[in-house]
Amino acid sequence: MNWTLINTFLFLMIVLSVIILNGNETPDYATSSPRPNHRLAQVEGESIPRSRRGDKGRYYLLSAKQKGIYIRTVHKRVGTHAVGFSETLIECMPPRRYKDLGYGEGTVSDIKKHNKPKWVDIIINGSSKSDLVRHVCKRFVMPSNKPY
């Protein structure tokens, strides 16, 4: 029997198994049912794509936890002079809206909670908040209002 052929076959099976198992990991930030094949980067967080150019800051989703129709997020903005962190509550069901829960600079633990945050119903296209809402709502499956 050709041992080189058998060893090659076993090696390929191990490599394929590792690839398949790693492809089915659940993202760290998910507590609900995010869409598949989505992972959080280890260092910066997951990059939030911007719809407009001009803002020199870069935005990263650090966590997102779903409870019912609401998703609580923490994201950061890495600017030219400071790093800011925001906590936001998002409702992805139409009409999409959000609440700014708090903001801080330096680290996540520096986030100061806002007193009595209000829902923002009018989301300005191209704003960093509209990009956050769009990005997060793409990732989570909302409960259906349809009867089974």
Protein backbone atom coordinates (compact mmCIF):
# COMPACT_ATOMS: atom_id res chain seq x y z
CA MET A 1 0.00 0.00 0.00
CA ASN A 2 1.23 3.53 -0.82
CA TRP A 3 1.77 5.28 2.55
CA THR A 4 2.45 8.66 0.92
CA LEU A 5 -0.97 8.63 -0.70
CA ILE A 6 -2.66 7.64 2.58
CA ASN A 7 -0.79 10.34 4.54
CA THR A 8 -1.73 12.97 1.95
CA PHE A 9 -5.37 11.89 2.11
CA LEU A 10 -5.41 12.06 5.94
CA PHE A 11 -3.74 15.48 5.91
CA LEU A 12 -6.35 16.85 3.48
CA MET A 13 -9.19 15.44 5.59
CA ILE A 14 -7.82 17.16 8.70
CA VAL A 15 -7.39 20.49 6.89
CA LEU A 16 -10.92 20.32 5.47
CA SER A 17 -12.35 19.45 8.88
CA VAL A 18 -10.66 22.46 10.46
CA ILE A 19 -11.93 24.75 7.70
CA ILE A 20 -15.48 23.45 8.01
CA LEU A 21 -15.53 23.66 11.83
CA ASN A 22 -14.12 27.20 11.85
CA GLY A 23 -16.71 28.31 9.28
CA ASN A 24 -19.53 27.40 11.67
CA GLU A 25 -18.41 29.47 14.68
CA THR A 26 -20.92 31.79 16.29
CA PRO A 27 -19.77 35.41 16.61
CA ASP A 28 -18.79 36.49 20.13
CA TYR A 29 -21.20 39.42 20.26
CA ALA A 30 -24.30 37.48 19.24
CA THR A 31 -26.87 36.48 21.80
CA SER A 32 -29.58 35.94 19.22
CA SER A 33 -29.62 34.76 15.63
CA PRO A 34 -27.23 36.80 13.50
CA ARG A 35 -26.85 35.98 9.87
CA PRO A 36 -24.15 33.37 9.18
CA ASN A 37 -20.50 33.91 8.19
CA HIS A 38 -20.06 37.00 10.31
CA ARG A 39 -17.24 37.43 12.83
CA LEU A 40 -15.99 40.13 15.10
CA ALA A 41 -12.36 41.13 14.59
CA GLN A 42 -10.16 40.53 17.64
CA VAL A 43 -8.42 43.91 17.95
CA GLU A 44 -10.46 46.77 16.51
CA GLY A 45 -13.90 45.26 16.32
CA GLU A 46 -15.90 44.84 13.16
CA SER A 47 -15.52 47.69 10.71
CA ILE A 48 -18.76 49.60 10.02
CA PRO A 49 -18.89 50.52 6.32
CA ARG A 50 -19.48 54.20 5.64
CA SER A 51 -21.90 55.36 2.97
CA ARG A 52 -20.23 58.77 2.56
CA ARG A 53 -16.66 59.91 2.44
CA GLY A 54 -15.29 62.89 4.29
CA ASP A 55 -15.32 61.76 7.92
CA LYS A 56 -11.71 60.99 8.84
CA GLY A 57 -12.82 58.74 11.66
CA ARG A 58 -13.21 54.99 11.40
CA TYR A 59 -16.09 53.20 13.12
CA TYR A 60 -16.07 49.73 14.68
CA LEU A 61 -18.85 47.59 16.12
CA LEU A 62 -17.58 46.13 19.39
CA SER A 63 -20.72 44.35 20.60
CA ALA A 64 -24.34 43.82 19.67
CA LYS A 65 -26.88 41.99 21.81
CA GLN A 66 -30.44 41.37 20.76
CA LYS A 67 -33.42 41.20 23.10
CA GLY A 68 -36.71 40.92 21.25
CA ILE A 69 -36.85 43.60 18.58
CA TYR A 70 -34.12 45.73 20.20
CA ILE A 71 -30.37 45.50 19.67
CA ARG A 72 -28.02 47.14 22.17
CA THR A 73 -24.68 48.03 20.59
CA VAL A 74 -21.35 49.42 21.66
CA HIS A 75 -19.23 50.93 18.93
CA LYS A 76 -16.18 53.10 18.74
CA ARG A 77 -14.97 55.92 16.56
CA VAL A 78 -11.25 56.18 16.02
CA GLY A 79 -10.64 59.79 15.04
CA THR A 80 -7.51 61.76 14.34
CA HIS A 81 -7.37 63.16 17.91
CA ALA A 82 -9.51 60.90 20.09
CA VAL A 83 -11.20 57.53 20.44
CA GLY A 84 -14.88 57.73 21.36
CA PHE A 85 -17.24 54.98 22.50
CA SER A 86 -21.02 54.99 22.16
CA GLU A 87 -23.78 52.76 23.45
CA THR A 88 -26.89 52.73 21.29
CA LEU A 89 -30.25 50.94 21.38
CA ILE A 90 -31.55 50.14 17.88
CA GLU A 91 -34.99 49.04 16.75
CA CYS A 92 -34.71 47.44 13.30
CA MET A 93 -38.44 46.97 12.74
CA PRO A 94 -39.92 49.68 10.49
CA PRO A 95 -39.61 52.51 11.05
CA ARG A 96 -36.00 52.03 12.07
CA ARG A 97 -34.98 54.19 14.99
CA TYR A 98 -32.38 54.44 17.74
CA LYS A 99 -31.59 55.86 21.18
CA ASP A 100 -28.18 57.21 22.18
CA LEU A 101 -27.69 55.61 25.60
CA GLY A 102 -24.26 57.04 26.38
CA TYR A 103 -20.87 58.29 25.18
CA GLY A 104 -17.31 58.43 26.51
CA GLU A 105 -13.74 58.92 25.32
CA GLY A 106 -10.75 56.76 26.16
CA THR A 107 -12.16 53.31 26.93
CA VAL A 108 -15.51 51.52 26.92
CA SER A 109 -15.69 51.90 30.70
CA ASP A 110 -15.65 55.70 30.24
CA ILE A 111 -19.12 55.67 28.65
CA LYS A 112 -21.39 57.98 30.63
CA LYS A 113 -25.09 57.11 30.42
CA HIS A 114 -27.41 59.85 29.14
CA ASN A 115 -30.36 60.86 31.31
CA LYS A 116 -33.69 59.92 29.72
CA PRO A 117 -32.52 59.22 26.14
CA LYS A 118 -35.16 59.73 23.47
CA TRP A 119 -35.88 57.79 20.32
CA VAL A 120 -34.54 59.31 17.11
CA ASP A 121 -36.99 58.50 14.32
CA ILE A 122 -35.49 60.58 11.54
CA ILE A 123 -32.20 59.02 10.56
CA ILE A 124 -30.11 61.20 8.25
CA ASN A 125 -28.71 59.20 5.33
CA GLY A 126 -24.93 59.18 5.31
CA SER A 127 -24.58 59.94 9.02
CA SER A 128 -22.50 57.63 11.18
CA LYS A 129 -25.67 56.62 13.08
CA SER A 130 -27.52 55.71 9.88
CA ASP A 131 -24.53 53.60 8.82
CA LEU A 132 -24.51 51.90 12.26
CA VAL A 133 -28.25 51.19 12.12
CA ARG A 134 -28.07 49.85 8.57
CA HIS A 135 -25.05 47.67 9.37
CA VAL A 136 -26.51 46.20 12.57
CA CYS A 137 -29.98 45.60 11.10
CA LYS A 138 -28.44 43.65 8.19
CA ARG A 139 -26.81 41.29 10.68
CA PHE A 140 -29.80 40.33 12.80
CA VAL A 141 -32.97 38.47 11.90
CA MET A 142 -35.99 40.25 13.37
CA PRO A 143 -38.97 38.33 14.75
CA SER A 144 -41.76 38.09 12.21
CA ASN A 145 -45.20 39.54 12.81
CA LYS A 146 -46.70 36.86 10.57
CA PRO A 147 -48.70 34.04 12.17
CA TYR A 148 -47.29 30.54 11.70
